[in-house]
Every structure is written in C-alpha cells, then in structure tokens.
Protein backbone atom coordinates (compact mmCIF):
# COMPACT_ATOMS: atom_id res chain seq x y z
CA MET A 1 100.84 76.08 76.45
CA ALA A 2 102.34 78.34 79.12
CA PRO A 3 100.08 80.91 80.77
CA ILE A 4 99.74 84.54 79.77
CA LEU A 5 101.06 87.06 82.30
CA VAL A 6 98.77 90.03 82.93
CA LEU A 7 100.94 92.70 84.49
CA ASN A 8 99.59 95.93 85.99
CA GLY A 9 101.68 98.84 87.14
CA PRO A 10 101.29 101.65 89.65
CA ASN A 11 97.90 102.83 90.85
CA LEU A 12 95.99 100.16 88.95
CA ASN A 13 95.21 98.54 92.30
CA MET A 14 93.00 101.62 92.80
CA LEU A 15 90.77 100.95 89.79
CA GLY A 16 87.15 101.61 90.64
CA ALA A 17 88.09 104.21 93.24
CA ARG A 18 90.58 106.43 91.38
CA GLN A 19 89.12 108.85 88.81
CA PRO A 20 86.11 106.72 87.79
CA ASP A 21 85.26 109.38 85.20
CA VAL A 22 88.50 108.43 83.39
CA TYR A 23 89.02 104.76 84.32
CA GLY A 24 85.48 103.55 85.03
CA SER A 25 84.06 101.79 88.07
CA ASP A 26 85.49 98.32 87.43
CA THR A 27 88.15 97.10 89.87
CA LEU A 28 91.42 95.33 89.19
CA ASP A 29 89.73 92.11 90.34
CA ASP A 30 87.12 92.69 87.61
CA VAL A 31 89.93 93.13 85.05
CA ILE A 32 91.64 89.89 86.08
CA GLU A 33 88.35 87.97 86.08
CA LEU A 34 87.61 89.27 82.56
CA CYS A 35 91.07 88.16 81.42
CA ARG A 36 90.62 84.71 82.98
CA LYS A 37 87.21 84.23 81.34
CA THR A 38 88.57 85.35 77.97
CA ALA A 39 91.59 83.06 78.20
CA ALA A 40 89.47 80.11 79.35
CA ARG A 41 87.47 80.29 76.10
CA PHE A 42 90.74 79.31 74.38
CA GLY A 43 91.84 76.79 76.98
CA ARG A 44 94.48 79.18 78.32
CA GLU A 45 95.44 80.32 81.80
CA ILE A 46 96.18 83.79 83.20
CA ILE A 47 98.76 84.67 85.82
CA ALA A 48 98.16 88.14 87.27
CA PHE A 49 100.57 90.50 89.02
CA GLN A 50 100.28 94.14 90.09
CA SER A 51 102.79 96.36 91.82
CA ASN A 52 103.32 100.02 92.50
CA SER A 53 107.05 99.32 92.56
CA GLU A 54 109.12 99.53 89.38
CA GLY A 55 111.65 97.04 90.73
CA ALA A 56 108.98 94.46 91.56
CA LEU A 57 107.52 94.76 88.05
CA ILE A 58 110.97 94.31 86.51
CA ASP A 59 111.67 91.26 88.69
CA ARG A 60 108.32 89.73 87.66
CA VAL A 61 109.04 90.34 83.98
CA HIS A 62 112.41 88.59 84.37
CA ALA A 63 110.66 85.64 86.03
CA ALA A 64 108.37 85.34 82.98
CA ARG A 65 111.25 84.12 80.80
CA GLY A 66 110.53 80.48 80.02
CA ALA A 67 107.47 80.48 82.29
CA GLU A 68 104.84 82.53 80.43
CA SER A 69 103.97 82.52 76.75
CA ALA A 70 103.00 86.21 76.44
CA ILE A 71 102.56 89.39 78.45
CA VAL A 72 99.64 91.82 78.63
CA ILE A 73 100.89 94.94 80.38
CA ASN A 74 99.32 98.12 81.57
CA PRO A 75 102.43 99.90 82.81
CA GLY A 76 100.45 102.81 84.23
CA GLY A 77 102.63 105.88 84.73
CA PHE A 78 105.77 103.85 83.99
CA THR A 79 104.64 103.87 80.35
CA HIS A 80 105.99 107.38 80.01
CA THR A 81 109.02 107.21 82.30
CA SER A 82 110.62 103.79 82.59
CA VAL A 83 113.42 102.83 80.27
CA ALA A 84 114.27 100.12 82.81
CA LEU A 85 110.85 98.45 82.46
CA ARG A 86 111.11 98.72 78.68
CA ASP A 87 114.52 97.03 78.75
CA ALA A 88 113.21 94.26 81.02
CA LEU A 89 110.29 93.51 78.70
CA VAL A 90 112.61 92.27 75.96
CA VAL A 91 114.13 89.65 78.30
CA PRO A 92 111.30 87.06 78.17
CA GLU A 93 111.29 87.07 74.33
CA VAL A 94 107.51 86.66 74.12
CA PRO A 95 104.73 88.69 72.48
CA ILE A 96 103.71 91.76 74.47
CA VAL A 97 100.47 93.72 74.28
CA GLU A 98 100.46 97.15 75.91
CA VAL A 99 97.03 98.10 77.27
CA HIS A 100 95.63 101.42 78.49
CA ILE A 101 92.09 101.76 79.79
CA SER A 102 91.78 105.39 78.68
CA ASN A 103 92.76 106.84 75.33
CA VAL A 104 96.15 108.20 76.37
CA HIS A 105 96.44 110.07 73.06
CA ALA A 106 93.41 112.21 73.92
CA ARG A 107 94.85 113.19 77.31
CA GLU A 108 97.78 115.28 78.56
CA ASP A 109 100.75 115.64 76.22
CA PHE A 110 103.10 113.71 78.50
CA ARG A 111 100.88 110.63 78.11
CA HIS A 112 101.39 110.57 74.33
CA HIS A 113 104.86 109.02 74.58
CA SER A 114 105.37 105.37 75.50
CA TYR A 115 108.67 103.64 76.08
CA ILE A 116 106.80 100.33 75.79
CA SER A 117 105.00 100.74 72.44
CA PRO A 118 108.11 100.36 70.24
CA ILE A 119 108.78 96.88 71.62
CA ALA A 120 105.12 95.78 71.88
CA THR A 121 103.54 93.39 69.42
CA ALA A 122 100.30 95.39 69.72
CA VAL A 123 98.87 98.36 71.63
CA VAL A 124 95.28 98.78 72.84
CA ALA A 125 94.05 102.10 74.24
CA GLY A 126 90.72 103.67 75.05
CA MET A 127 88.56 100.54 75.17
CA GLY A 128 88.11 100.54 78.94
CA ILE A 129 88.76 97.19 80.57
CA GLN A 130 87.56 95.49 77.37
CA GLY A 131 91.01 96.36 76.02
CA TYR A 132 92.41 93.65 78.29
CA ALA A 133 89.99 91.08 76.84
CA ALA A 134 90.96 92.17 73.32
CA ALA A 135 94.65 91.77 74.20
CA VAL A 136 94.15 88.30 75.69
CA GLU A 137 92.03 87.15 72.74
CA PHE A 138 94.64 88.47 70.30
CA LEU A 139 97.39 86.55 72.08
CA CYS A 140 95.30 83.38 72.22
CA THR A 141 94.47 83.44 68.52
CA ARG A 142 97.69 84.62 66.90
CA PRO A 143 99.74 81.99 65.09
C-alpha cells in the first residue's frame, strides 16, 4: 500500500523550542519518528514534509495524488486562514486526518475555526504529539 504523508505547516519546525508550555518539548524529528514507529507496526511507511510556505505545502499536497494513500496534516496557522490549502487537500482524494498538538478549542477564539476540518475524515486535538500516532493508527486500521 502507498505511504502515508505526514504534512506539517508553519512553525512546526520549531517544536521543542517554541512555547514548550503549549506544545511540549518534543521536536518535529520526534513527531516523525513516532509516526514511523506507529506505521511500521502495521507494515506501513511514512513520508514526511514540513514547510513554512503555503505554496510549498500546496505543491506537496498536489504531488500526493496517486502517490500517497492518506494524509496526516498539522496545518499550523494555515488551519485558520488558508482556503487555498483547504482546496488543495481535496485534490489527492485520500483520507485526511487534521492534527493539532494543543487543544485549539481551549485557546484564543481565532483558533476555533478550521478551514480543514470540514473536509477531514477525522480531527485530533489536544493529545500532544500522541495525536499524530492516533491519526496514523486510525489510517492504518480503517477499512
């Protein structure tokens, strides 16, 4: 089966250094390693990509069409602002799980709206980096 794409948006390259009281001390490398270990339990592979650029994320989503079987995405701040990323995510025609490390619904009002959630198969928020593992396991075990 095709790999699962784990896509991370702006500022997630700063995990472990940026607001550890909100996002924890784990790094993006820790997140990707957790995803790889979780997927390996099901004989699956992870492809990881992170960018602070909206255009680069959109281009990578387009490249997923026919190449990856599902997408786990933490869109970062683009969650609340990017109609363009939302529109791109329907192109690959694969299951999508939106992940947020913090509970965005318990934070600032502007974080309560997601352009991605309405097109996502599932949404995980507030589980720390374990939310990524839950997303990968869900995608590996769904029919």
